[in-house]
Amino acid sequence: MLVVLLVSGALAASAGAADAAGRTSKGPKVGTPPTPVVSPSADPSVSGRSFGVAMDQVPGTVAPLLALSDELGRRPDRVTWYVAWSTGGGFPAQEAAAVAGIGAVPVITWEPWDPARGVKRPTYALSRIAGGAFDPYVRSWAQGARAYGGPVVLRFAHEMNGNWYPWAASVNKNTAPSYAAAWRHVVDVFRAEGATNVSWQWSPNVPYAGSTSLAAVFPGDAYVDSVALDGYNWAGVNAGAAWVSFADVFAPGAQQVRALTQRPLYVGETATAEQGGAKPDWITGMFGTLTGSTTFAGFTWFHYLKEGDWRIDSSTGALTAFREGLAAY
């Protein structure tokens, strides 16, 4: 985690910023891409209540994902992974096709930075992105996405209301307007290249004391297809963090988002570790909140062993609770 944020009171919210150096797409390349089984759509995010997962090695290989799916009795509808701009290269069509091949929508968290160089890196300042400094790279992704053809969600420059990424509105002399301008510029490049199969998901962190106003960094409905919130229960991971239920992590942020837009709202990332409380109960409570929810259209679980053991199967009890909750979801 790049930063520790503790918010006092019952609504202690997640910083949501796991070490992105370990969250960029890794693993061996897949072989011949399978034919995507999901029909192209301008917005695959509105296909009903969804279950998503982000996990190590995927989608470089889908074997761990299939093994987890067997444990859960259900394959995910969405698969999220992380790509830093510093890695270069074009749109990851093979990985996207591998995800589509198991019946899921690829959700790429597209991160304009070099994780090895940290947060204070003006190379990726928002003014440079908005000014076109990275247009050749952005355009190559747009062209690659268009050639791929299947539905893709791009979660560009997420958690911008925090301070742990170089694109955040509060670092590197960025401003909230410069974030919105950078977002609109990148979307405009994709539109100019005809990449209509790409939908755009604006994904801030759940608000916390001192975070940038969501309204200030919202690029507008004309540039957003869906929205998401990232939030975690940090009890047992961050010293002094209180045990916070799923509902309390997300309710304040959801209210703020709904004041801005009626676009489909998702949980972009969430998880809880085992320490500090009962993880199975937390998971059961999460599904109780989400099942039949008119607020959230779906969620993605951050299935990683990193700052804490966020994995679904970190214990038999957690796995059982998740499997049972998912069956009724």
C-alpha atoms as a PDB file:
ATOM      1  CA  MET A   1       0.000   0.000   0.000  1.00  0.00           C
ATOM      2  CA  LEU A   2       1.360   3.380  -0.985  1.00  0.00           C
ATOM      3  CA  VAL A   3      -0.385   5.249   1.765  1.00  0.00           C
ATOM      4  CA  VAL A   4      -2.172   4.631   5.028  1.00  0.00           C
ATOM      5  CA  LEU A   5      -5.368   6.606   5.526  1.00  0.00           C
ATOM      6  CA  LEU A   6      -7.305   6.230   8.751  1.00  0.00           C
ATOM      7  CA  VAL A   7     -10.641   7.941   9.053  1.00  0.00           C
ATOM      8  CA  SER A   8     -11.991   8.282  12.534  1.00  0.00           C
ATOM      9  CA  GLY A   9     -15.394   7.037  13.538  1.00  0.00           C
ATOM     10  CA  ALA A  10     -17.623   4.253  12.337  1.00  0.00           C
ATOM     11  CA  LEU A  11     -17.153   5.160   8.688  1.00  0.00           C
ATOM     12  CA  ALA A  12     -13.403   4.526   8.549  1.00  0.00           C
ATOM     13  CA  ALA A  13     -12.998   4.311   4.793  1.00  0.00           C
ATOM     14  CA  SER A  14     -10.548   2.522   2.606  1.00  0.00           C
ATOM     15  CA  ALA A  15      -7.547   4.126   1.047  1.00  0.00           C
ATOM     16  CA  GLY A  16      -7.944   1.501  -1.650  1.00  0.00           C
ATOM     17  CA  ALA A  17      -4.414   1.833  -2.965  1.00  0.00           C
ATOM     18  CA  ALA A  18      -2.656  -1.521  -2.990  1.00  0.00           C
ATOM     19  CA  ASP A  19       0.917  -1.447  -4.310  1.00  0.00           C
ATOM     20  CA  ALA A  20       0.227  -1.019  -7.978  1.00  0.00           C
ATOM     21  CA  ALA A  21       3.652  -2.336  -8.876  1.00  0.00           C
ATOM     22  CA  GLY A  22       2.201  -5.746  -8.101  1.00  0.00           C
ATOM     23  CA  ARG A  23      -1.120  -4.956  -9.739  1.00  0.00           C
ATOM     24  CA  THR A  24      -0.058  -4.358 -13.282  1.00  0.00           C
ATOM     25  CA  SER A  25      -0.725  -7.166 -15.711  1.00  0.00           C
ATOM     26  CA  LYS A  26       1.859  -9.921 -15.324  1.00  0.00           C
ATOM     27  CA  GLY A  27       2.353 -13.546 -16.256  1.00  0.00           C
ATOM     28  CA  PRO A  28       3.054 -15.403 -19.459  1.00  0.00           C
ATOM     29  CA  LYS A  29       1.244 -14.422 -22.596  1.00  0.00           C
ATOM     30  CA  VAL A  30      -1.633 -16.604 -23.579  1.00  0.00           C
ATOM     31  CA  GLY A  31      -1.609 -18.554 -26.809  1.00  0.00           C
ATOM     32  CA  THR A  32      -3.942 -18.119 -29.766  1.00  0.00           C
ATOM     33  CA  PRO A  33      -6.743 -15.843 -28.576  1.00  0.00           C
ATOM     34  CA  PRO A  34     -10.115 -17.572 -28.363  1.00  0.00           C
ATOM     35  CA  THR A  35     -13.057 -15.970 -30.090  1.00  0.00           C
ATOM     36  CA  PRO A  36     -14.794 -13.641 -27.627  1.00  0.00           C
ATOM     37  CA  VAL A  37     -18.142 -15.056 -26.572  1.00  0.00           C
ATOM     38  CA  VAL A  38     -19.541 -11.711 -25.448  1.00  0.00           C
ATOM     39  CA  SER A  39     -21.189  -9.693 -28.176  1.00  0.00           C
ATOM     40  CA  PRO A  40     -19.797  -6.176 -28.670  1.00  0.00           C
ATOM     41  CA  SER A  41     -21.744  -3.548 -26.776  1.00  0.00           C
ATOM     42  CA  ALA A  42     -21.336   0.153 -26.273  1.00  0.00           C
ATOM     43  CA  ASP A  43     -21.713  -0.397 -22.539  1.00  0.00           C
ATOM     44  CA  PRO A  44     -21.269  -3.922 -21.209  1.00  0.00           C
ATOM     45  CA  SER A  45     -21.501  -2.549 -17.693  1.00  0.00           C
ATOM     46  CA  VAL A  46     -25.293  -2.502 -17.724  1.00  0.00           C
ATOM     47  CA  SER A  47     -25.940  -6.204 -18.252  1.00  0.00           C
ATOM     48  CA  GLY A  48     -27.494  -6.772 -14.823  1.00  0.00           C
ATOM     49  CA  ARG A  49     -26.095  -7.538 -11.371  1.00  0.00           C
ATOM     50  CA  SER A  50     -22.519  -8.683 -11.860  1.00  0.00           C
ATOM     51  CA  PHE A  51     -19.763 -10.421  -9.945  1.00  0.00           C
ATOM     52  CA  GLY A  52     -16.180  -9.553 -10.781  1.00  0.00           C
ATOM     53  CA  VAL A  53     -12.736 -10.498  -9.565  1.00  0.00           C
ATOM     54  CA  ALA A  54      -9.187  -9.160  -9.756  1.00  0.00           C
ATOM     55  CA  MET A  55      -6.433 -11.648  -8.962  1.00  0.00           C
ATOM     56  CA  ASP A  56      -2.737 -12.320  -9.384  1.00  0.00           C
ATOM     57  CA  GLN A  57      -1.470 -13.715 -12.725  1.00  0.00           C
ATOM     58  CA  VAL A  58      -4.838 -13.191 -14.423  1.00  0.00           C
ATOM     59  CA  PRO A  59      -5.354 -12.709 -17.352  1.00  0.00           C
ATOM     60  CA  GLY A  60      -1.809 -13.702 -18.325  1.00  0.00           C
ATOM     61  CA  THR A  61      -3.198 -17.125 -17.516  1.00  0.00           C
ATOM     62  CA  VAL A  62      -6.824 -17.902 -16.690  1.00  0.00           C
ATOM     63  CA  ALA A  63      -6.057 -21.165 -14.850  1.00  0.00           C
ATOM     64  CA  PRO A  64      -6.168 -19.624 -11.327  1.00  0.00           C
ATOM     65  CA  LEU A  65      -9.419 -17.913 -12.194  1.00  0.00           C
ATOM     66  CA  LEU A  66     -11.010 -21.138 -13.381  1.00  0.00           C
ATOM     67  CA  ALA A  67      -9.849 -22.901 -10.214  1.00  0.00           C
ATOM     68  CA  LEU A  68     -11.411 -20.174  -8.061  1.00  0.00           C
ATOM     69  CA  SER A  69     -14.592 -20.370 -10.123  1.00  0.00           C
ATOM     70  CA  ASP A  70     -14.796 -24.090  -9.407  1.00  0.00           C
ATOM     71  CA  GLU A  71     -14.527 -23.344  -5.682  1.00  0.00           C
ATOM     72  CA  LEU A  72     -17.317 -20.789  -5.922  1.00  0.00           C
ATOM     73  CA  GLY A  73     -19.612 -22.616  -8.307  1.00  0.00           C
ATOM     74  CA  ARG A  74     -19.783 -19.592 -10.612  1.00  0.00           C
ATOM     75  CA  ARG A  75     -17.539 -17.837 -13.083  1.00  0.00           C
ATOM     76  CA  PRO A  76     -17.158 -14.079 -12.821  1.00  0.00           C
ATOM     77  CA  ASP A  77     -18.971 -11.767 -15.217  1.00  0.00           C
ATOM     78  CA  ARG A  78     -16.111  -9.272 -15.150  1.00  0.00           C
ATOM     79  CA  VAL A  79     -12.347  -9.657 -14.741  1.00  0.00           C
ATOM     80  CA  THR A  80     -10.259  -6.661 -13.705  1.00  0.00           C
ATOM     81  CA  TRP A  81      -6.538  -6.219 -14.128  1.00  0.00           C
ATOM     82  CA  TYR A  82      -4.011  -3.373 -13.999  1.00  0.00           C
ATOM     83  CA  VAL A  83      -1.813  -1.923 -16.748  1.00  0.00           C
ATOM     84  CA  ALA A  84       0.683   0.874 -16.090  1.00  0.00           C
ATOM     85  CA  TRP A  85       1.483   3.216 -18.962  1.00  0.00           C
ATOM     86  CA  SER A  86       5.195   2.779 -18.294  1.00  0.00           C
ATOM     87  CA  THR A  87       5.022  -0.810 -19.534  1.00  0.00           C
ATOM     88  CA  GLY A  88       4.378   0.501 -23.045  1.00  0.00           C
ATOM     89  CA  GLY A  89       2.985  -1.766 -25.707  1.00  0.00           C
ATOM     90  CA  GLY A  90      -0.385  -1.762 -27.345  1.00  0.00           C
ATOM     91  CA  PHE A  91      -3.834  -2.791 -26.273  1.00  0.00           C
ATOM     92  CA  PRO A  92      -3.710  -6.274 -24.627  1.00  0.00           C
ATOM     93  CA  ALA A  93      -5.957  -8.032 -27.119  1.00  0.00           C
ATOM     94  CA  GLN A  94      -4.809 -11.548 -26.233  1.00  0.00           C
ATOM     95  CA  GLU A  95      -5.554 -11.044 -22.554  1.00  0.00           C
ATOM     96  CA  ALA A  96      -8.910  -9.441 -23.302  1.00  0.00           C
ATOM     97  CA  ALA A  97      -9.817 -12.348 -25.567  1.00  0.00           C
ATOM     98  CA  ALA A  98      -8.817 -14.845 -22.881  1.00  0.00           C
ATOM     99  CA  VAL A  99     -11.187 -13.139 -20.443  1.00  0.00           C
ATOM    100  CA  ALA A 100     -13.969 -12.985 -23.022  1.00  0.00           C
ATOM    101  CA  GLY A 101     -13.344 -16.635 -23.789  1.00  0.00           C
ATOM    102  CA  ILE A 102     -14.576 -17.619 -20.318  1.00  0.00           C
ATOM    103  CA  GLY A 103     -17.656 -15.445 -20.701  1.00  0.00           C
ATOM    104  CA  ALA A 104     -16.513 -12.336 -18.807  1.00  0.00           C
ATOM    105  CA  VAL A 105     -16.094  -8.687 -19.739  1.00  0.00           C
ATOM    106  CA  PRO A 106     -12.494  -7.389 -19.574  1.00  0.00           C
ATOM    107  CA  VAL A 107     -12.123  -4.445 -17.172  1.00  0.00           C
ATOM    108  CA  ILE A 108      -8.720  -2.805 -17.515  1.00  0.00           C
ATOM    109  CA  THR A 109      -7.558  -0.402 -14.825  1.00  0.00           C
ATOM    110  CA  TRP A 110      -5.392   1.836 -16.997  1.00  0.00           C
ATOM    111  CA  GLU A 111      -2.792   3.632 -14.889  1.00  0.00           C
ATOM    112  CA  PRO A 112      -0.780   6.601 -16.226  1.00  0.00           C
ATOM    113  CA  TRP A 113       2.413   6.162 -14.227  1.00  0.00           C
ATOM    114  CA  ASP A 114       5.590   4.198 -13.643  1.00  0.00           C
ATOM    115  CA  PRO A 115       5.035   2.273 -10.378  1.00  0.00           C
ATOM    116  CA  ALA A 116       8.778   1.869  -9.865  1.00  0.00           C
ATOM    117  CA  ARG A 117       9.210   5.650  -9.664  1.00  0.00           C
ATOM    118  CA  GLY A 118       6.454   6.339  -7.184  1.00  0.00           C
ATOM    119  CA  VAL A 119       3.873   9.043  -6.782  1.00  0.00           C
ATOM    120  CA  LYS A 120       5.806  12.284  -7.189  1.00  0.00           C
ATOM    121  CA  ARG A 121       6.451  11.920 -10.873  1.00  0.00           C
ATOM    122  CA  PRO A 122       5.504  14.978 -12.959  1.00  0.00           C
ATOM    123  CA  THR A 123       6.165  13.031 -16.155  1.00  0.00           C
ATOM    124  CA  TYR A 124       2.572  11.840 -15.914  1.00  0.00           C
ATOM    125  CA  ALA A 125       1.090  15.139 -14.752  1.00  0.00           C
ATOM    126  CA  LEU A 126      -2.505  15.548 -15.850  1.00  0.00           C
ATOM    127  CA  SER A 127      -1.707  18.710 -17.805  1.00  0.00           C
ATOM    128  CA  ARG A 128       0.681  16.709 -19.987  1.00  0.00           C
ATOM    129  CA  ILE A 129      -1.937  14.044 -20.643  1.00  0.00           C
ATOM    130  CA  ALA A 130      -4.582  16.655 -21.479  1.00  0.00           C
ATOM    131  CA  GLY A 131      -2.054  18.502 -23.643  1.00  0.00           C
ATOM    132  CA  GLY A 132      -1.436  15.482 -25.840  1.00  0.00           C
ATOM    133  CA  ALA A 133       2.034  14.438 -24.662  1.00  0.00           C
ATOM    134  CA  PHE A 134       0.940  10.782 -24.611  1.00  0.00           C
ATOM    135  CA  ASP A 135      -1.349  10.834 -27.627  1.00  0.00           C
ATOM    136  CA  PRO A 136       0.684   8.339 -29.692  1.00  0.00           C
ATOM    137  CA  TYR A 137       0.397   5.780 -26.889  1.00  0.00           C
ATOM    138  CA  VAL A 138      -3.262   6.537 -26.230  1.00  0.00           C
ATOM    139  CA  ARG A 139      -4.052   6.383 -29.933  1.00  0.00           C
ATOM    140  CA  SER A 140      -2.325   3.018 -30.284  1.00  0.00           C
ATOM    141  CA  TRP A 141      -4.528   1.629 -27.527  1.00  0.00           C
ATOM    142  CA  ALA A 142      -7.625   3.047 -29.169  1.00  0.00           C
ATOM    143  CA  GLN A 143      -6.689   1.457 -32.470  1.00  0.00           C
ATOM    144  CA  GLY A 144      -5.896  -1.844 -30.799  1.00  0.00           C
ATOM    145  CA  ALA A 145      -9.152  -1.847 -28.855  1.00  0.00           C
ATOM    146  CA  ARG A 146     -11.111  -1.097 -32.024  1.00  0.00           C
ATOM    147  CA  ALA A 147      -9.362  -3.930 -33.841  1.00  0.00           C
ATOM    148  CA  TYR A 148     -10.083  -6.282 -30.957  1.00  0.00           C
ATOM    149  CA  GLY A 149     -13.752  -5.481 -31.333  1.00  0.00           C
ATOM    150  CA  GLY A 150     -15.205  -7.084 -28.204  1.00  0.00           C
ATOM    151  CA  PRO A 151     -16.631  -5.077 -25.307  1.00  0.00           C
ATOM    152  CA  VAL A 152     -14.022  -3.624 -22.952  1.00  0.00           C
ATOM    153  CA  VAL A 153     -14.342  -1.427 -19.887  1.00  0.00           C
ATOM    154  CA  LEU A 154     -11.485   1.011 -19.298  1.00  0.00           C
ATOM    155  CA  ARG A 155     -11.169   2.165 -15.704  1.00  0.00           C
ATOM    156  CA  PHE A 156      -8.818   5.025 -16.444  1.00  0.00           C
ATOM    157  CA  ALA A 157      -6.848   6.803 -13.687  1.00  0.00           C
ATOM    158  CA  HIS A 158      -8.879   5.434 -10.785  1.00  0.00           C
ATOM    159  CA  GLU A 159      -8.908   6.658  -7.156  1.00  0.00           C
ATOM    160  CA  MET A 160      -8.108  10.156  -8.337  1.00  0.00           C
ATOM    161  CA  ASN A 161      -9.618  11.714  -5.216  1.00  0.00           C
ATOM    162  CA  GLY A 162      -6.823  10.314  -3.042  1.00  0.00           C
ATOM    163  CA  ASN A 163      -3.135  11.217  -2.928  1.00  0.00           C
ATOM    164  CA  TRP A 164      -1.321   7.941  -3.653  1.00  0.00           C
ATOM    165  CA  TYR A 165      -1.145   8.082  -7.462  1.00  0.00           C
ATOM    166  CA  PRO A 166       0.589  10.680  -9.662  1.00  0.00           C
ATOM    167  CA  TRP A 167      -2.670  11.429 -11.477  1.00  0.00           C
ATOM    168  CA  ALA A 168      -4.447  12.334  -8.227  1.00  0.00           C
ATOM    169  CA  ALA A 169      -5.884  15.827  -8.227  1.00  0.00           C
ATOM    170  CA  SER A 170      -3.886  16.778  -5.113  1.00  0.00           C
ATOM    171  CA  VAL A 171      -0.320  15.872  -6.217  1.00  0.00           C
ATOM    172  CA  ASN A 172       2.239  16.871  -8.888  1.00  0.00           C
ATOM    173  CA  LYS A 173       0.621  20.314  -9.249  1.00  0.00           C
ATOM    174  CA  ASN A 174      -2.484  18.630 -10.612  1.00  0.00           C
ATOM    175  CA  THR A 175      -5.894  20.172 -10.083  1.00  0.00           C
ATOM    176  CA  ALA A 176      -9.399  18.797 -10.148  1.00  0.00           C
ATOM    177  CA  PRO A 177     -10.139  20.570 -13.465  1.00  0.00           C
ATOM    178  CA  SER A 178      -6.942  19.136 -14.956  1.00  0.00           C
ATOM    179  CA  TYR A 179      -8.121  15.645 -14.043  1.00  0.00           C
ATOM    180  CA  ALA A 180     -11.441  16.156 -15.796  1.00  0.00           C
ATOM    181  CA  ALA A 181      -9.630  17.635 -18.799  1.00  0.00           C
ATOM    182  CA  ALA A 182      -7.225  14.687 -19.029  1.00  0.00           C
ATOM    183  CA  TRP A 183     -10.110  12.212 -18.814  1.00  0.00           C
ATOM    184  CA  ARG A 184     -12.066  13.963 -21.564  1.00  0.00           C
ATOM    185  CA  HIS A 185      -9.007  14.199 -23.782  1.00  0.00           C
ATOM    186  CA  VAL A 186      -8.271  10.475 -23.547  1.00  0.00           C
ATOM    187  CA  VAL A 187     -11.900   9.599 -24.266  1.00  0.00           C
ATOM    188  CA  ASP A 188     -11.933  11.981 -27.223  1.00  0.00           C
ATOM    189  CA  VAL A 189      -8.887  10.246 -28.714  1.00  0.00           C
ATOM    190  CA  PHE A 190     -10.652   6.885 -28.494  1.00  0.00           C
ATOM    191  CA  ARG A 191     -13.786   8.315 -30.044  1.00  0.00           C
ATOM    192  CA  ALA A 192     -11.814   9.873 -32.865  1.00  0.00           C
ATOM    193  CA  GLU A 193     -10.321   6.436 -33.582  1.00  0.00           C
ATOM    194  CA  GLY A 194     -13.760   4.796 -33.652  1.00  0.00           C
ATOM    195  CA  ALA A 195     -13.202   2.584 -30.591  1.00  0.00           C
ATOM    196  CA  THR A 196     -16.917   2.419 -29.848  1.00  0.00           C
ATOM    197  CA  ASN A 197     -16.605  -0.995 -28.188  1.00  0.00           C
ATOM    198  CA  VAL A 198     -14.846   0.644 -25.213  1.00  0.00           C
ATOM    199  CA  SER A 199     -16.904   1.898 -22.278  1.00  0.00           C
ATOM    200  CA  TRP A 200     -15.488   4.245 -19.665  1.00  0.00           C
ATOM    201  CA  GLN A 201     -15.787   3.688 -15.935  1.00  0.00           C
ATOM    202  CA  TRP A 202     -14.993   6.565 -13.592  1.00  0.00           C
ATOM    203  CA  SER A 203     -13.818   4.988 -10.345  1.00  0.00           C
ATOM    204  CA  PRO A 204     -12.914   7.149  -7.321  1.00  0.00           C
ATOM    205  CA  ASN A 205     -12.027   5.851  -3.892  1.00  0.00           C
ATOM    206  CA  VAL A 206     -14.735   6.038  -1.243  1.00  0.00           C
ATOM    207  CA  PRO A 207     -14.534   9.574   0.168  1.00  0.00           C
ATOM    208  CA  TYR A 208     -12.600  10.125   3.385  1.00  0.00           C
ATOM    209  CA  ALA A 209     -11.644  13.146   5.480  1.00  0.00           C
ATOM    210  CA  GLY A 210      -9.386  15.290   3.299  1.00  0.00           C
ATOM    211  CA  SER A 211     -10.100  13.579  -0.021  1.00  0.00           C
ATOM    212  CA  THR A 212     -10.796  15.614  -3.134  1.00  0.00           C
ATOM    213  CA  SER A 213     -14.448  16.382  -3.764  1.00  0.00           C
ATOM    214  CA  LEU A 214     -16.034  13.868  -6.116  1.00  0.00           C
ATOM    215  CA  ALA A 215     -17.988  16.619  -7.837  1.00  0.00           C
ATOM    216  CA  ALA A 216     -14.738  18.437  -8.617  1.00  0.00           C
ATOM    217  CA  VAL A 217     -13.189  15.494 -10.481  1.00  0.00           C
ATOM    218  CA  PHE A 218     -16.278  14.151 -12.250  1.00  0.00           C
ATOM    219  CA  PRO A 219     -15.804  14.541 -16.024  1.00  0.00           C
ATOM    220  CA  GLY A 220     -19.532  14.559 -16.797  1.00  0.00           C
ATOM    221  CA  ASP A 221     -22.091  12.075 -18.053  1.00  0.00           C
ATOM    222  CA  ALA A 222     -21.152  12.717 -21.668  1.00  0.00           C
ATOM    223  CA  TYR A 223     -17.755  11.152 -20.963  1.00  0.00           C
ATOM    224  CA  VAL A 224     -18.732   8.374 -18.573  1.00  0.00           C
ATOM    225  CA  ASP A 225     -20.609   5.116 -19.214  1.00  0.00           C
ATOM    226  CA  SER A 226     -20.549   3.749 -15.662  1.00  0.00           C
ATOM    227  CA  VAL A 227     -19.122   4.727 -12.283  1.00  0.00           C
ATOM    228  CA  ALA A 228     -17.559   2.741  -9.459  1.00  0.00           C
ATOM    229  CA  LEU A 229     -16.280   3.146  -5.918  1.00  0.00           C
ATOM    230  CA  ASP A 230     -13.243   1.412  -4.412  1.00  0.00           C
ATOM    231  CA  GLY A 231     -13.346   0.666  -0.700  1.00  0.00           C
ATOM    232  CA  TYR A 232     -11.934  -1.814   1.829  1.00  0.00           C
ATOM    233  CA  ASN A 233     -12.299  -2.789   5.458  1.00  0.00           C
ATOM    234  CA  TRP A 234      -8.811  -2.008   6.757  1.00  0.00           C
ATOM    235  CA  ALA A 235      -9.187  -3.499  10.231  1.00  0.00           C
ATOM    236  CA  GLY A 236      -6.240  -5.740  11.056  1.00  0.00           C
ATOM    237  CA  VAL A 237      -4.204  -4.309   8.166  1.00  0.00           C
ATOM    238  CA  ASN A 238      -3.764  -0.633   9.061  1.00  0.00           C
ATOM    239  CA  ALA A 239      -2.837  -0.033  12.690  1.00  0.00           C
ATOM    240  CA  GLY A 240      -5.754   1.405  14.602  1.00  0.00           C
ATOM    241  CA  ALA A 241      -8.305   0.937  11.843  1.00  0.00           C
ATOM    242  CA  ALA A 242     -11.759   0.051  13.133  1.00  0.00           C
ATOM    243  CA  TRP A 243     -13.769  -2.872  11.790  1.00  0.00           C
ATOM    244  CA  VAL A 244     -16.187  -1.327   9.288  1.00  0.00           C
ATOM    245  CA  SER A 245     -19.022  -3.149   7.556  1.00  0.00           C
ATOM    246  CA  PHE A 246     -19.380  -3.201   3.799  1.00  0.00           C
ATOM    247  CA  ALA A 247     -22.479  -1.021   4.024  1.00  0.00           C
ATOM    248  CA  ASP A 248     -20.707   1.616   6.110  1.00  0.00           C
ATOM    249  CA  VAL A 249     -17.677   1.627   3.814  1.00  0.00           C
ATOM    250  CA  PHE A 250     -19.777   2.402   0.743  1.00  0.00           C
ATOM    251  CA  ALA A 251     -22.991   4.146   1.763  1.00  0.00           C
ATOM    252  CA  PRO A 252     -21.649   7.732   2.106  1.00  0.00           C
ATOM    253  CA  GLY A 253     -19.774   7.570  -1.210  1.00  0.00           C
ATOM    254  CA  ALA A 254     -22.727   6.052  -3.029  1.00  0.00           C
ATOM    255  CA  GLN A 255     -24.894   8.923  -1.854  1.00  0.00           C
ATOM    256  CA  GLN A 256     -22.382  11.447  -3.171  1.00  0.00           C
ATOM    257  CA  VAL A 257     -22.054   9.673  -6.514  1.00  0.00           C
ATOM    258  CA  ARG A 258     -25.816   9.527  -6.940  1.00  0.00           C
ATOM    259  CA  ALA A 259     -25.943  13.299  -6.481  1.00  0.00           C
ATOM    260  CA  LEU A 260     -23.680  13.568  -9.546  1.00  0.00           C
ATOM    261  CA  THR A 261     -24.964  10.951 -11.955  1.00  0.00           C
ATOM    262  CA  GLN A 262     -27.452   8.173 -12.559  1.00  0.00           C
ATOM    263  CA  ARG A 263     -24.981   6.108 -14.578  1.00  0.00           C
ATOM    264  CA  PRO A 264     -24.750   2.453 -13.443  1.00  0.00           C
ATOM    265  CA  LEU A 265     -22.809   2.286 -10.158  1.00  0.00           C
ATOM    266  CA  TYR A 266     -20.453  -0.553  -9.276  1.00  0.00           C
ATOM    267  CA  VAL A 267     -18.108  -1.519  -6.481  1.00  0.00           C
ATOM    268  CA  GLY A 268     -14.845  -1.304  -8.405  1.00  0.00           C
ATOM    269  CA  GLU A 269     -12.703  -2.964  -5.722  1.00  0.00           C
ATOM    270  CA  THR A 270     -13.470  -4.305  -2.280  1.00  0.00           C
ATOM    271  CA  ALA A 271     -12.230  -6.861   0.245  1.00  0.00           C
ATOM    272  CA  THR A 272     -11.621  -7.506   3.921  1.00  0.00           C
ATOM    273  CA  ALA A 273      -8.873  -9.375   5.733  1.00  0.00           C
ATOM    274  CA  GLU A 274      -9.368 -11.905   8.539  1.00  0.00           C
ATOM    275  CA  GLN A 275      -7.938  -9.882  11.448  1.00  0.00           C
ATOM    276  CA  GLY A 276      -9.999  -7.570  13.612  1.00  0.00           C
ATOM    277  CA  GLY A 277     -13.351  -9.265  13.213  1.00  0.00           C
ATOM    278  CA  ALA A 278     -15.188 -12.103  11.508  1.00  0.00           C
ATOM    279  CA  LYS A 279     -14.487 -12.146   7.770  1.00  0.00           C
ATOM    280  CA  PRO A 280     -17.290 -14.653   7.014  1.00  0.00           C
ATOM    281  CA  ASP A 281     -19.789 -12.335   8.717  1.00  0.00           C
ATOM    282  CA  TRP A 282     -18.441  -9.342   6.776  1.00  0.00           C
ATOM    283  CA  ILE A 283     -18.886 -11.233   3.506  1.00  0.00           C
ATOM    284  CA  THR A 284     -22.386 -12.337   4.468  1.00  0.00           C
ATOM    285  CA  GLY A 285     -23.234  -8.736   5.286  1.00  0.00           C
ATOM    286  CA  MET A 286     -21.846  -7.596   1.938  1.00  0.00           C
ATOM    287  CA  PHE A 287     -24.088  -9.962   0.020  1.00  0.00           C
ATOM    288  CA  GLY A 288     -26.995  -8.958   2.200  1.00  0.00           C
ATOM    289  CA  THR A 289     -26.434  -5.365   1.138  1.00  0.00           C
ATOM    290  CA  LEU A 290     -25.827  -6.121  -2.533  1.00  0.00           C
ATOM    291  CA  THR A 291     -28.435  -8.784  -3.222  1.00  0.00           C
ATOM    292  CA  GLY A 292     -31.448  -7.062  -4.647  1.00  0.00           C
ATOM    293  CA  SER A 293     -29.714  -3.702  -4.342  1.00  0.00           C
ATOM    294  CA  THR A 294     -31.043  -0.852  -6.426  1.00  0.00           C
ATOM    295  CA  THR A 295     -27.854   1.106  -5.717  1.00  0.00           C
ATOM    296  CA  PHE A 296     -25.080  -1.155  -6.989  1.00  0.00           C
ATOM    297  CA  ALA A 297     -25.227  -3.019 -10.273  1.00  0.00           C
ATOM    298  CA  GLY A 298     -22.318  -5.273  -9.327  1.00  0.00           C
ATOM    299  CA  PHE A 299     -19.035  -5.644  -7.442  1.00  0.00           C
ATOM    300  CA  THR A 300     -15.458  -6.791  -7.971  1.00  0.00           C
ATOM    301  CA  TRP A 301     -13.498  -8.556  -5.230  1.00  0.00           C
ATOM    302  CA  PHE A 302      -9.757  -7.845  -4.883  1.00  0.00           C
ATOM    303  CA  HIS A 303      -8.537 -11.450  -4.523  1.00  0.00           C
ATOM    304  CA  TYR A 304      -4.898 -10.811  -3.586  1.00  0.00           C
ATOM    305  CA  LEU A 305      -2.503 -11.687  -0.781  1.00  0.00           C
ATOM    306  CA  LYS A 306      -0.816  -8.311  -0.316  1.00  0.00           C
ATOM    307  CA  GLU A 307      -1.046  -5.882   2.637  1.00  0.00           C
ATOM    308  CA  GLY A 308      -3.423  -8.407   4.174  1.00  0.00           C
ATOM    309  CA  ASP A 309      -4.978 -11.629   3.025  1.00  0.00           C
ATOM    310  CA  TRP A 310      -7.786 -10.224   0.912  1.00  0.00           C
ATOM    311  CA  ARG A 311      -8.423 -13.533  -0.834  1.00  0.00           C
ATOM    312  CA  ILE A 312     -11.886 -15.057  -0.955  1.00  0.00           C
ATOM    313  CA  ASP A 313     -10.505 -18.386   0.236  1.00  0.00           C
ATOM    314  CA  SER A 314      -8.257 -17.020   2.998  1.00  0.00           C
ATOM    315  CA  SER A 315     -10.152 -19.389   5.303  1.00  0.00           C
ATOM    316  CA  THR A 316     -12.726 -22.132   4.961  1.00  0.00           C
ATOM    317  CA  GLY A 317     -15.285 -19.926   6.661  1.00  0.00           C
ATOM    318  CA  ALA A 318     -14.678 -17.013   4.293  1.00  0.00           C
ATOM    319  CA  LEU A 319     -14.921 -19.260   1.230  1.00  0.00           C
ATOM    320  CA  THR A 320     -18.133 -20.860   2.469  1.00  0.00           C
ATOM    321  CA  ALA A 321     -19.717 -17.479   3.192  1.00  0.00           C
ATOM    322  CA  PHE A 322     -18.731 -16.168  -0.210  1.00  0.00           C
ATOM    323  CA  ARG A 323     -19.982 -19.236  -2.053  1.00  0.00           C
ATOM    324  CA  GLU A 324     -23.306 -19.167  -0.218  1.00  0.00           C
ATOM    325  CA  GLY A 325     -23.737 -15.437  -0.728  1.00  0.00           C
ATOM    326  CA  LEU A 326     -22.874 -15.680  -4.395  1.00  0.00           C
ATOM    327  CA  ALA A 327     -25.407 -18.463  -4.923  1.00  0.00           C
ATOM    328  CA  ALA A 328     -28.211 -16.161  -3.782  1.00  0.00           C
ATOM    329  CA  TYR A 329     -26.826 -13.018  -5.436  1.00  0.00           C
END
